[in-house]
Amino acid sequence: MTGPSLEKMYQFLLWLMPTVEKFPRSHKFSLGERIQNAALDILEGLVEASYRRDRQALLVQVNMKLEKLRILLRLATDLHCMDMRRYEFSARALDEIGRMVGGWIKTQRA
């Protein structure tokens, strides 16, 4: 695997997928699926970025998807699909990935 942000996102997904499977049935197939798809889109974007020369636009898209995922996870917490401990873990992990992607964007601008 290429790059620390890609590895970190992969590890986050390993945690996220079983977590979403524990969502209540009423939210598992709507919000849960949306969260999983958003996270998988981010992983795919990071894979693509690691193999491209012109990464800037793709990394900006990944950054936006990270923000959307943060909001979806907050919504899941407010709907009692996740407890606060899991939300805090996800927020810290996504913050770290976001900082890595932001640093990658800055190096592309230079």
PDB file of N, CA and C in Angstrom:
ATOM      1  N   MET A   1       0.842  -1.178   0.000  1.00  0.00           N
ATOM      2  CA  MET A   1       0.000   0.000   0.000  1.00  0.00           C
ATOM      3  C   MET A   1       0.893   1.249   0.000  1.00  0.00           C
ATOM      4  N   THR A   2       0.461   2.270  -0.681  1.00  0.00           N
ATOM      5  CA  THR A   2       1.267   3.469  -0.826  1.00  0.00           C
ATOM      6  C   THR A   2       0.752   4.592   0.054  1.00  0.00           C
ATOM      7  N   GLY A   3       1.613   5.165   0.853  1.00  0.00           N
ATOM      8  CA  GLY A   3       1.289   6.359   1.607  1.00  0.00           C
ATOM      9  C   GLY A   3       0.629   6.115   2.946  1.00  0.00           C
ATOM     10  N   PRO A   4       0.986   6.955   3.908  1.00  0.00           N
ATOM     11  CA  PRO A   4       0.422   6.804   5.254  1.00  0.00           C
ATOM     12  C   PRO A   4      -1.072   7.104   5.336  1.00  0.00           C
ATOM     13  N   SER A   5      -1.560   8.044   4.541  1.00  0.00           N
ATOM     14  CA  SER A   5      -2.995   8.353   4.596  1.00  0.00           C
ATOM     15  C   SER A   5      -3.822   7.185   4.060  1.00  0.00           C
ATOM     16  N   LEU A   6      -3.322   6.515   3.054  1.00  0.00           N
ATOM     17  CA  LEU A   6      -4.011   5.354   2.494  1.00  0.00           C
ATOM     18  C   LEU A   6      -4.047   4.217   3.516  1.00  0.00           C
ATOM     19  N   GLU A   7      -2.932   3.965   4.165  1.00  0.00           N
ATOM     20  CA  GLU A   7      -2.879   2.913   5.188  1.00  0.00           C
ATOM     21  C   GLU A   7      -3.805   3.245   6.354  1.00  0.00           C
ATOM     22  N   LYS A   8      -3.812   4.504   6.779  1.00  0.00           N
ATOM     23  CA  LYS A   8      -4.656   4.929   7.896  1.00  0.00           C
ATOM     24  C   LYS A   8      -6.139   4.776   7.536  1.00  0.00           C
ATOM     25  N   MET A   9      -6.492   5.119   6.309  1.00  0.00           N
ATOM     26  CA  MET A   9      -7.888   4.985   5.878  1.00  0.00           C
ATOM     27  C   MET A   9      -8.284   3.517   5.802  1.00  0.00           C
ATOM     28  N   TYR A  10      -7.379   2.682   5.340  1.00  0.00           N
ATOM     29  CA  TYR A  10      -7.641   1.243   5.276  1.00  0.00           C
ATOM     30  C   TYR A  10      -7.909   0.693   6.683  1.00  0.00           C
ATOM     31  N   GLN A  11      -7.068   1.084   7.637  1.00  0.00           N
ATOM     32  CA  GLN A  11      -7.250   0.642   9.021  1.00  0.00           C
ATOM     33  C   GLN A  11      -8.570   1.161   9.599  1.00  0.00           C
ATOM     34  N   PHE A  12      -8.917   2.400   9.239  1.00  0.00           N
ATOM     35  CA  PHE A  12     -10.191   2.969   9.692  1.00  0.00           C
ATOM     36  C   PHE A  12     -11.366   2.154   9.151  1.00  0.00           C
ATOM     37  N   LEU A  13     -11.292   1.756   7.888  1.00  0.00           N
ATOM     38  CA  LEU A  13     -12.359   0.947   7.294  1.00  0.00           C
ATOM     39  C   LEU A  13     -12.473  -0.418   7.963  1.00  0.00           C
ATOM     40  N   LEU A  14     -11.352  -0.997   8.342  1.00  0.00           N
ATOM     41  CA  LEU A  14     -11.394  -2.279   9.058  1.00  0.00           C
ATOM     42  C   LEU A  14     -12.165  -2.146  10.371  1.00  0.00           C
ATOM     43  N   TRP A  15     -12.079  -0.987  10.994  1.00  0.00           N
ATOM     44  CA  TRP A  15     -12.840  -0.716  12.210  1.00  0.00           C
ATOM     45  C   TRP A  15     -14.294  -0.354  11.894  1.00  0.00           C
ATOM     46  N   LEU A  16     -14.485   0.456  10.854  1.00  0.00           N
ATOM     47  CA  LEU A  16     -15.799   1.013  10.534  1.00  0.00           C
ATOM     48  C   LEU A  16     -16.815  -0.027  10.069  1.00  0.00           C
ATOM     49  N   MET A  17     -16.405  -0.927   9.200  1.00  0.00           N
ATOM     50  CA  MET A  17     -17.359  -1.870   8.606  1.00  0.00           C
ATOM     51  C   MET A  17     -18.111  -2.689   9.668  1.00  0.00           C
ATOM     52  N   PRO A  18     -17.429  -3.324  10.622  1.00  0.00           N
ATOM     53  CA  PRO A  18     -18.180  -4.058  11.657  1.00  0.00           C
ATOM     54  C   PRO A  18     -18.982  -3.131  12.574  1.00  0.00           C
ATOM     55  N   THR A  19     -18.503  -1.903  12.757  1.00  0.00           N
ATOM     56  CA  THR A  19     -19.227  -0.938  13.592  1.00  0.00           C
ATOM     57  C   THR A  19     -20.575  -0.607  12.963  1.00  0.00           C
ATOM     58  N   VAL A  20     -20.582  -0.373  11.661  1.00  0.00           N
ATOM     59  CA  VAL A  20     -21.827  -0.045  10.959  1.00  0.00           C
ATOM     60  C   VAL A  20     -22.779  -1.244  10.951  1.00  0.00           C
ATOM     61  N   GLU A  21     -22.231  -2.442  10.913  1.00  0.00           N
ATOM     62  CA  GLU A  21     -23.080  -3.635  10.935  1.00  0.00           C
ATOM     63  C   GLU A  21     -23.898  -3.727  12.229  1.00  0.00           C
ATOM     64  N   LYS A  22     -23.459  -3.050  13.277  1.00  0.00           N
ATOM     65  CA  LYS A  22     -24.169  -3.063  14.566  1.00  0.00           C
ATOM     66  C   LYS A  22     -25.229  -1.963  14.664  1.00  0.00           C
ATOM     67  N   PHE A  23     -25.360  -1.142  13.627  1.00  0.00           N
ATOM     68  CA  PHE A  23     -26.389  -0.093  13.636  1.00  0.00           C
ATOM     69  C   PHE A  23     -27.767  -0.751  13.744  1.00  0.00           C
ATOM     70  N   PRO A  24     -28.730  -0.034  14.330  1.00  0.00           N
ATOM     71  CA  PRO A  24     -30.104  -0.551  14.344  1.00  0.00           C
ATOM     72  C   PRO A  24     -30.603  -0.756  12.911  1.00  0.00           C
ATOM     73  N   ARG A  25     -31.424  -1.741  12.746  1.00  0.00           N
ATOM     74  CA  ARG A  25     -31.949  -2.077  11.416  1.00  0.00           C
ATOM     75  C   ARG A  25     -32.569  -0.856  10.722  1.00  0.00           C
ATOM     76  N   SER A  26     -33.202   0.001  11.490  1.00  0.00           N
ATOM     77  CA  SER A  26     -33.878   1.168  10.905  1.00  0.00           C
ATOM     78  C   SER A  26     -32.906   2.137  10.236  1.00  0.00           C
ATOM     79  N   HIS A  27     -31.612   2.072  10.584  1.00  0.00           N
ATOM     80  CA  HIS A  27     -30.626   2.992   9.995  1.00  0.00           C
ATOM     81  C   HIS A  27     -29.492   2.281   9.263  1.00  0.00           C
ATOM     82  N   LYS A  28     -29.399   0.966   9.431  1.00  0.00           N
ATOM     83  CA  LYS A  28     -28.284   0.224   8.838  1.00  0.00           C
ATOM     84  C   LYS A  28     -28.256   0.323   7.321  1.00  0.00           C
ATOM     85  N   PHE A  29     -29.413   0.245   6.691  1.00  0.00           N
ATOM     86  CA  PHE A  29     -29.461   0.175   5.232  1.00  0.00           C
ATOM     87  C   PHE A  29     -29.607   1.539   4.571  1.00  0.00           C
ATOM     88  N   SER A  30     -29.760   2.577   5.344  1.00  0.00           N
ATOM     89  CA  SER A  30     -29.804   3.929   4.767  1.00  0.00           C
ATOM     90  C   SER A  30     -28.531   4.670   5.176  1.00  0.00           C
ATOM     91  N   LEU A  31     -28.483   5.101   6.393  1.00  0.00           N
ATOM     92  CA  LEU A  31     -27.337   5.861   6.893  1.00  0.00           C
ATOM     93  C   LEU A  31     -26.074   4.994   6.934  1.00  0.00           C
ATOM     94  N   GLY A  32     -26.205   3.769   7.402  1.00  0.00           N
ATOM     95  CA  GLY A  32     -25.043   2.885   7.505  1.00  0.00           C
ATOM     96  C   GLY A  32     -24.394   2.618   6.160  1.00  0.00           C
ATOM     97  N   GLU A  33     -25.221   2.333   5.182  1.00  0.00           N
ATOM     98  CA  GLU A  33     -24.701   2.080   3.837  1.00  0.00           C
ATOM     99  C   GLU A  33     -24.046   3.331   3.260  1.00  0.00           C
ATOM    100  N   ARG A  34     -24.655   4.472   3.519  1.00  0.00           N
ATOM    101  CA  ARG A  34     -24.105   5.739   3.033  1.00  0.00           C
ATOM    102  C   ARG A  34     -22.734   6.004   3.652  1.00  0.00           C
ATOM    103  N   ILE A  35     -22.589   5.729   4.939  1.00  0.00           N
ATOM    104  CA  ILE A  35     -21.313   5.904   5.636  1.00  0.00           C
ATOM    105  C   ILE A  35     -20.261   4.966   5.048  1.00  0.00           C
ATOM    106  N   GLN A  36     -20.622   3.704   4.864  1.00  0.00           N
ATOM    107  CA  GLN A  36     -19.669   2.750   4.301  1.00  0.00           C
ATOM    108  C   GLN A  36     -19.238   3.156   2.893  1.00  0.00           C
ATOM    109  N   ASN A  37     -20.186   3.563   2.069  1.00  0.00           N
ATOM    110  CA  ASN A  37     -19.860   3.965   0.700  1.00  0.00           C
ATOM    111  C   ASN A  37     -18.972   5.209   0.672  1.00  0.00           C
ATOM    112  N   ALA A  38     -19.252   6.163   1.550  1.00  0.00           N
ATOM    113  CA  ALA A  38     -18.429   7.370   1.610  1.00  0.00           C
ATOM    114  C   ALA A  38     -16.990   7.016   1.996  1.00  0.00           C
ATOM    115  N   ALA A  39     -16.844   6.144   2.972  1.00  0.00           N
ATOM    116  CA  ALA A  39     -15.508   5.736   3.409  1.00  0.00           C
ATOM    117  C   ALA A  39     -14.774   4.972   2.306  1.00  0.00           C
ATOM    118  N   LEU A  40     -15.488   4.103   1.608  1.00  0.00           N
ATOM    119  CA  LEU A  40     -14.872   3.364   0.500  1.00  0.00           C
ATOM    120  C   LEU A  40     -14.482   4.297  -0.642  1.00  0.00           C
ATOM    121  N   ASP A  41     -15.299   5.325  -0.905  1.00  0.00           N
ATOM    122  CA  ASP A  41     -14.959   6.321  -1.930  1.00  0.00           C
ATOM    123  C   ASP A  41     -13.665   7.045  -1.569  1.00  0.00           C
ATOM    124  N   ILE A  42     -13.492   7.355  -0.291  1.00  0.00           N
ATOM    125  CA  ILE A  42     -12.278   8.030   0.157  1.00  0.00           C
ATOM    126  C   ILE A  42     -11.068   7.121  -0.072  1.00  0.00           C
ATOM    127  N   LEU A  43     -11.202   5.856   0.300  1.00  0.00           N
ATOM    128  CA  LEU A  43     -10.109   4.904   0.092  1.00  0.00           C
ATOM    129  C   LEU A  43      -9.748   4.808  -1.388  1.00  0.00           C
ATOM    130  N   GLU A  44     -10.756   4.698  -2.238  1.00  0.00           N
ATOM    131  CA  GLU A  44     -10.508   4.626  -3.684  1.00  0.00           C
ATOM    132  C   GLU A  44      -9.834   5.899  -4.193  1.00  0.00           C
ATOM    133  N   GLY A  45     -10.263   7.048  -3.698  1.00  0.00           N
ATOM    134  CA  GLY A  45      -9.646   8.311  -4.102  1.00  0.00           C
ATOM    135  C   GLY A  45      -8.179   8.385  -3.712  1.00  0.00           C
ATOM    136  N   LEU A  46      -7.853   7.882  -2.535  1.00  0.00           N
ATOM    137  CA  LEU A  46      -6.458   7.877  -2.092  1.00  0.00           C
ATOM    138  C   LEU A  46      -5.611   6.916  -2.925  1.00  0.00           C
ATOM    139  N   VAL A  47      -6.196   5.791  -3.306  1.00  0.00           N
ATOM    140  CA  VAL A  47      -5.476   4.854  -4.184  1.00  0.00           C
ATOM    141  C   VAL A  47      -5.187   5.524  -5.520  1.00  0.00           C
ATOM    142  N   GLU A  48      -6.207   6.144  -6.106  1.00  0.00           N
ATOM    143  CA  GLU A  48      -6.024   6.840  -7.386  1.00  0.00           C
ATOM    144  C   GLU A  48      -4.968   7.930  -7.271  1.00  0.00           C
ATOM    145  N   ALA A  49      -5.037   8.715  -6.218  1.00  0.00           N
ATOM    146  CA  ALA A  49      -4.099   9.826  -6.038  1.00  0.00           C
ATOM    147  C   ALA A  49      -2.659   9.332  -5.927  1.00  0.00           C
ATOM    148  N   SER A  50      -2.479   8.169  -5.338  1.00  0.00           N
ATOM    149  CA  SER A  50      -1.116   7.675  -5.171  1.00  0.00           C
ATOM    150  C   SER A  50      -0.501   7.216  -6.495  1.00  0.00           C
ATOM    151  N   TYR A  51      -1.317   7.048  -7.529  1.00  0.00           N
ATOM    152  CA  TYR A  51      -0.800   6.613  -8.828  1.00  0.00           C
ATOM    153  C   TYR A  51      -0.875   7.685  -9.908  1.00  0.00           C
ATOM    154  N   ARG A  52      -1.279   8.880  -9.549  1.00  0.00           N
ATOM    155  CA  ARG A  52      -1.409   9.957 -10.539  1.00  0.00           C
ATOM    156  C   ARG A  52      -0.326  11.005 -10.356  1.00  0.00           C
ATOM    157  N   ARG A  53      -0.058  11.695 -11.448  1.00  0.00           N
ATOM    158  CA  ARG A  53       0.832  12.860 -11.362  1.00  0.00           C
ATOM    159  C   ARG A  53       0.043  14.096 -10.945  1.00  0.00           C
ATOM    160  N   ASP A  54      -1.119  14.269 -11.555  1.00  0.00           N
ATOM    161  CA  ASP A  54      -1.967  15.432 -11.283  1.00  0.00           C
ATOM    162  C   ASP A  54      -2.975  15.073 -10.185  1.00  0.00           C
ATOM    163  N   ARG A  55      -2.518  15.153  -8.949  1.00  0.00           N
ATOM    164  CA  ARG A  55      -3.311  14.702  -7.799  1.00  0.00           C
ATOM    165  C   ARG A  55      -4.184  15.792  -7.185  1.00  0.00           C
ATOM    166  N   GLN A  56      -3.855  17.026  -7.437  1.00  0.00           N
ATOM    167  CA  GLN A  56      -4.454  18.156  -6.736  1.00  0.00           C
ATOM    168  C   GLN A  56      -5.980  18.095  -6.675  1.00  0.00           C
ATOM    169  N   ALA A  57      -6.642  18.015  -7.824  1.00  0.00           N
ATOM    170  CA  ALA A  57      -8.114  18.040  -7.862  1.00  0.00           C
ATOM    171  C   ALA A  57      -8.700  16.815  -7.151  1.00  0.00           C
ATOM    172  N   LEU A  58      -8.079  15.684  -7.332  1.00  0.00           N
ATOM    173  CA  LEU A  58      -8.559  14.459  -6.698  1.00  0.00           C
ATOM    174  C   LEU A  58      -8.428  14.540  -5.178  1.00  0.00           C
ATOM    175  N   LEU A  59      -7.324  15.078  -4.691  1.00  0.00           N
ATOM    176  CA  LEU A  59      -7.124  15.214  -3.249  1.00  0.00           C
ATOM    177  C   LEU A  59      -8.110  16.205  -2.632  1.00  0.00           C
ATOM    178  N   VAL A  60      -8.445  17.239  -3.359  1.00  0.00           N
ATOM    179  CA  VAL A  60      -9.451  18.197  -2.879  1.00  0.00           C
ATOM    180  C   VAL A  60     -10.809  17.495  -2.770  1.00  0.00           C
ATOM    181  N   GLN A  61     -11.130  16.628  -3.732  1.00  0.00           N
ATOM    182  CA  GLN A  61     -12.381  15.852  -3.668  1.00  0.00           C
ATOM    183  C   GLN A  61     -12.368  14.909  -2.468  1.00  0.00           C
ATOM    184  N   VAL A  62     -11.235  14.254  -2.241  1.00  0.00           N
ATOM    185  CA  VAL A  62     -11.108  13.347  -1.097  1.00  0.00           C
ATOM    186  C   VAL A  62     -11.327  14.119   0.198  1.00  0.00           C
ATOM    187  N   ASN A  63     -10.763  15.306   0.270  1.00  0.00           N
ATOM    188  CA  ASN A  63     -10.904  16.147   1.458  1.00  0.00           C
ATOM    189  C   ASN A  63     -12.376  16.499   1.702  1.00  0.00           C
ATOM    190  N   MET A  64     -13.107  16.799   0.645  1.00  0.00           N
ATOM    191  CA  MET A  64     -14.535  17.106   0.769  1.00  0.00           C
ATOM    192  C   MET A  64     -15.311  15.873   1.225  1.00  0.00           C
ATOM    193  N   LYS A  65     -14.957  14.709   0.701  1.00  0.00           N
ATOM    194  CA  LYS A  65     -15.632  13.470   1.108  1.00  0.00           C
ATOM    195  C   LYS A  65     -15.349  13.148   2.567  1.00  0.00           C
ATOM    196  N   LEU A  66     -14.157  13.477   3.037  1.00  0.00           N
ATOM    197  CA  LEU A  66     -13.842  13.294   4.460  1.00  0.00           C
ATOM    198  C   LEU A  66     -14.768  14.146   5.317  1.00  0.00           C
ATOM    199  N   GLU A  67     -15.000  15.371   4.890  1.00  0.00           N
ATOM    200  CA  GLU A  67     -15.886  16.270   5.641  1.00  0.00           C
ATOM    201  C   GLU A  67     -17.321  15.727   5.661  1.00  0.00           C
ATOM    202  N   LYS A  68     -17.784  15.213   4.532  1.00  0.00           N
ATOM    203  CA  LYS A  68     -19.124  14.626   4.465  1.00  0.00           C
ATOM    204  C   LYS A  68     -19.228  13.413   5.387  1.00  0.00           C
ATOM    205  N   LEU A  69     -18.179  12.600   5.409  1.00  0.00           N
ATOM    206  CA  LEU A  69     -18.178  11.420   6.272  1.00  0.00           C
ATOM    207  C   LEU A  69     -18.227  11.822   7.741  1.00  0.00           C
ATOM    208  N   ARG A  70     -17.511  12.874   8.098  1.00  0.00           N
ATOM    209  CA  ARG A  70     -17.561  13.376   9.481  1.00  0.00           C
ATOM    210  C   ARG A  70     -18.993  13.724   9.884  1.00  0.00           C
ATOM    211  N   ILE A  71     -19.698  14.415   9.002  1.00  0.00           N
ATOM    212  CA  ILE A  71     -21.076  14.827   9.275  1.00  0.00           C
ATOM    213  C   ILE A  71     -21.995  13.613   9.392  1.00  0.00           C
ATOM    214  N   LEU A  72     -21.824  12.639   8.501  1.00  0.00           N
ATOM    215  CA  LEU A  72     -22.647  11.425   8.560  1.00  0.00           C
ATOM    216  C   LEU A  72     -22.415  10.662   9.860  1.00  0.00           C
ATOM    217  N   LEU A  73     -21.188  10.596  10.325  1.00  0.00           N
ATOM    218  CA  LEU A  73     -20.890   9.904  11.574  1.00  0.00           C
ATOM    219  C   LEU A  73     -21.467  10.657  12.772  1.00  0.00           C
ATOM    220  N   ARG A  74     -21.448  11.974  12.691  1.00  0.00           N
ATOM    221  CA  ARG A  74     -22.073  12.767  13.759  1.00  0.00           C
ATOM    222  C   ARG A  74     -23.578  12.512  13.802  1.00  0.00           C
ATOM    223  N   LEU A  75     -24.192  12.447  12.620  1.00  0.00           N
ATOM    224  CA  LEU A  75     -25.616  12.147  12.540  1.00  0.00           C
ATOM    225  C   LEU A  75     -25.907  10.763  13.118  1.00  0.00           C
ATOM    226  N   ALA A  76     -25.074   9.793  12.789  1.00  0.00           N
ATOM    227  CA  ALA A  76     -25.254   8.432  13.319  1.00  0.00           C
ATOM    228  C   ALA A  76     -25.181   8.439  14.845  1.00  0.00           C
ATOM    229  N   THR A  77     -24.313   9.254  15.393  1.00  0.00           N
ATOM    230  CA  THR A  77     -24.190   9.342  16.848  1.00  0.00           C
ATOM    231  C   THR A  77     -25.432   9.996  17.448  1.00  0.00           C
ATOM    232  N   ASP A  78     -25.887  11.074  16.835  1.00  0.00           N
ATOM    233  CA  ASP A  78     -27.076  11.766  17.337  1.00  0.00           C
ATOM    234  C   ASP A  78     -28.334  10.905  17.234  1.00  0.00           C
ATOM    235  N   LEU A  79     -28.345   9.964  16.288  1.00  0.00           N
ATOM    236  CA  LEU A  79     -29.473   9.043  16.138  1.00  0.00           C
ATOM    237  C   LEU A  79     -29.284   7.778  16.981  1.00  0.00           C
ATOM    238  N   HIS A  80     -28.256   7.773  17.810  1.00  0.00           N
ATOM    239  CA  HIS A  80     -27.945   6.668  18.731  1.00  0.00           C
ATOM    240  C   HIS A  80     -27.598   5.363  18.023  1.00  0.00           C
ATOM    241  N   CYS A  81     -26.984   5.483  16.846  1.00  0.00           N
ATOM    242  CA  CYS A  81     -26.490   4.301  16.142  1.00  0.00           C
ATOM    243  C   CYS A  81     -25.095   3.931  16.655  1.00  0.00           C
ATOM    244  N   MET A  82     -24.400   4.929  17.181  1.00  0.00           N
ATOM    245  CA  MET A  82     -23.049   4.746  17.716  1.00  0.00           C
ATOM    246  C   MET A  82     -22.982   5.442  19.060  1.00  0.00           C
ATOM    247  N   ASP A  83     -22.173   4.911  19.948  1.00  0.00           N
ATOM    248  CA  ASP A  83     -21.985   5.601  21.222  1.00  0.00           C
ATOM    249  C   ASP A  83     -20.904   6.680  21.075  1.00  0.00           C
ATOM    250  N   MET A  84     -20.786   7.509  22.088  1.00  0.00           N
ATOM    251  CA  MET A  84     -19.859   8.639  22.035  1.00  0.00           C
ATOM    252  C   MET A  84     -18.404   8.180  21.923  1.00  0.00           C
ATOM    253  N   ARG A  85     -18.081   7.067  22.540  1.00  0.00           N
ATOM    254  CA  ARG A  85     -16.710   6.552  22.487  1.00  0.00           C
ATOM    255  C   ARG A  85     -16.318   6.206  21.039  1.00  0.00           C
ATOM    256  N   ARG A  86     -17.211   5.564  20.338  1.00  0.00           N
ATOM    257  CA  ARG A  86     -16.943   5.226  18.930  1.00  0.00           C
ATOM    258  C   ARG A  86     -16.890   6.487  18.066  1.00  0.00           C
ATOM    259  N   TYR A  87     -17.774   7.426  18.352  1.00  0.00           N
ATOM    260  CA  TYR A  87     -17.751   8.684  17.593  1.00  0.00           C
ATOM    261  C   TYR A  87     -16.430   9.411  17.806  1.00  0.00           C
ATOM    262  N   GLU A  88     -15.970   9.477  19.042  1.00  0.00           N
ATOM    263  CA  GLU A  88     -14.699  10.155  19.327  1.00  0.00           C
ATOM    264  C   GLU A  88     -13.544   9.467  18.617  1.00  0.00           C
ATOM    265  N   PHE A  89     -13.546   8.139  18.601  1.00  0.00           N
ATOM    266  CA  PHE A  89     -12.504   7.402  17.889  1.00  0.00           C
ATOM    267  C   PHE A  89     -12.530   7.767  16.404  1.00  0.00           C
ATOM    268  N   SER A  90     -13.733   7.756  15.813  1.00  0.00           N
ATOM    269  CA  SER A  90     -13.845   8.055  14.382  1.00  0.00           C
ATOM    270  C   SER A  90     -13.438   9.495  14.082  1.00  0.00           C
ATOM    271  N   ALA A  91     -13.824  10.420  14.958  1.00  0.00           N
ATOM    272  CA  ALA A  91     -13.473  11.830  14.743  1.00  0.00           C
ATOM    273  C   ALA A  91     -11.960  12.031  14.782  1.00  0.00           C
ATOM    274  N   ARG A  92     -11.301  11.386  15.747  1.00  0.00           N
ATOM    275  CA  ARG A  92      -9.835  11.496  15.823  1.00  0.00           C
ATOM    276  C   ARG A  92      -9.157  10.882  14.600  1.00  0.00           C
ATOM    277  N   ALA A  93      -9.639   9.715  14.185  1.00  0.00           N
ATOM    278  CA  ALA A  93      -9.043   9.043  13.027  1.00  0.00           C
ATOM    279  C   ALA A  93      -9.222   9.874  11.755  1.00  0.00           C
ATOM    280  N   LEU A  94     -10.432  10.396  11.548  1.00  0.00           N
ATOM    281  CA  LEU A  94     -10.681  11.192  10.345  1.00  0.00           C
ATOM    282  C   LEU A  94      -9.935  12.518  10.383  1.00  0.00           C
ATOM    283  N   ASP A  95      -9.755  13.072  11.574  1.00  0.00           N
ATOM    284  CA  ASP A  95      -8.976  14.293  11.702  1.00  0.00           C
ATOM    285  C   ASP A  95      -7.529  14.040  11.281  1.00  0.00           C
ATOM    286  N   GLU A  96      -6.980  12.919  11.726  1.00  0.00           N
ATOM    287  CA  GLU A  96      -5.603  12.579  11.366  1.00  0.00           C
ATOM    288  C   GLU A  96      -5.465  12.344   9.860  1.00  0.00           C
ATOM    289  N   ILE A  97      -6.412  11.619   9.283  1.00  0.00           N
ATOM    290  CA  ILE A  97      -6.382  11.373   7.840  1.00  0.00           C
ATOM    291  C   ILE A  97      -6.527  12.696   7.086  1.00  0.00           C
ATOM    292  N   GLY A  98      -7.408  13.555   7.572  1.00  0.00           N
ATOM    293  CA  GLY A  98      -7.600  14.869   6.951  1.00  0.00           C
ATOM    294  C   GLY A  98      -6.341  15.719   6.984  1.00  0.00           C
ATOM    295  N   ARG A  99      -5.617  15.665   8.099  1.00  0.00           N
ATOM    296  CA  ARG A  99      -4.356  16.405   8.180  1.00  0.00           C
ATOM    297  C   ARG A  99      -3.333  15.847   7.193  1.00  0.00           C
ATOM    298  N   MET A 100      -3.315  14.541   7.038  1.00  0.00           N
ATOM    299  CA  MET A 100      -2.390  13.918   6.076  1.00  0.00           C
ATOM    300  C   MET A 100      -2.731  14.329   4.648  1.00  0.00           C
ATOM    301  N   VAL A 101      -4.018  14.283   4.320  1.00  0.00           N
ATOM    302  CA  VAL A 101      -4.458  14.675   2.975  1.00  0.00           C
ATOM    303  C   VAL A 101      -4.178  16.164   2.749  1.00  0.00           C
ATOM    304  N   GLY A 102      -4.426  16.990   3.769  1.00  0.00           N
ATOM    305  CA  GLY A 102      -4.141  18.420   3.657  1.00  0.00           C
ATOM    306  C   GLY A 102      -2.660  18.677   3.406  1.00  0.00           C
ATOM    307  N   GLY A 103      -1.816  17.935   4.085  1.00  0.00           N
ATOM    308  CA  GLY A 103      -0.367  18.067   3.846  1.00  0.00           C
ATOM    309  C   GLY A 103       0.009  17.646   2.449  1.00  0.00           C
ATOM    310  N   TRP A 104      -0.634  16.608   1.965  1.00  0.00           N
ATOM    311  CA  TRP A 104      -0.388  16.124   0.599  1.00  0.00           C
ATOM    312  C   TRP A 104      -0.808  17.184  -0.421  1.00  0.00           C
ATOM    313  N   ILE A 105      -1.943  17.834  -0.152  1.00  0.00           N
ATOM    314  CA  ILE A 105      -2.419  18.909  -1.036  1.00  0.00           C
ATOM    315  C   ILE A 105      -1.407  20.052  -1.062  1.00  0.00           C
ATOM    316  N   LYS A 106      -0.905  20.433   0.110  1.00  0.00           N
ATOM    317  CA  LYS A 106       0.079  21.529   0.179  1.00  0.00           C
ATOM    318  C   LYS A 106       1.347  21.192  -0.594  1.00  0.00           C
ATOM    319  N   THR A 107       1.817  19.951  -0.521  1.00  0.00           N
ATOM    320  CA  THR A 107       3.022  19.596  -1.255  1.00  0.00           C
ATOM    321  C   THR A 107       2.775  19.606  -2.767  1.00  0.00           C
ATOM    322  N   GLN A 108       1.543  19.337  -3.188  1.00  0.00           N
ATOM    323  CA  GLN A 108       1.214  19.370  -4.605  1.00  0.00           C
ATOM    324  C   GLN A 108       1.194  20.805  -5.142  1.00  0.00           C
ATOM    325  N   ARG A 109       0.809  21.752  -4.276  1.00  0.00           N
ATOM    326  CA  ARG A 109       0.765  23.164  -4.684  1.00  0.00           C
ATOM    327  C   ARG A 109       2.155  23.745  -4.841  1.00  0.00           C
ATOM    328  N   ALA A 110       3.101  23.218  -4.090  1.00  0.00           N
ATOM    329  CA  ALA A 110       4.470  23.767  -4.098  1.00  0.00           C
ATOM    330  C   ALA A 110       5.237  23.365  -5.364  1.00  0.00           C
TER     331      ALA A 110
END
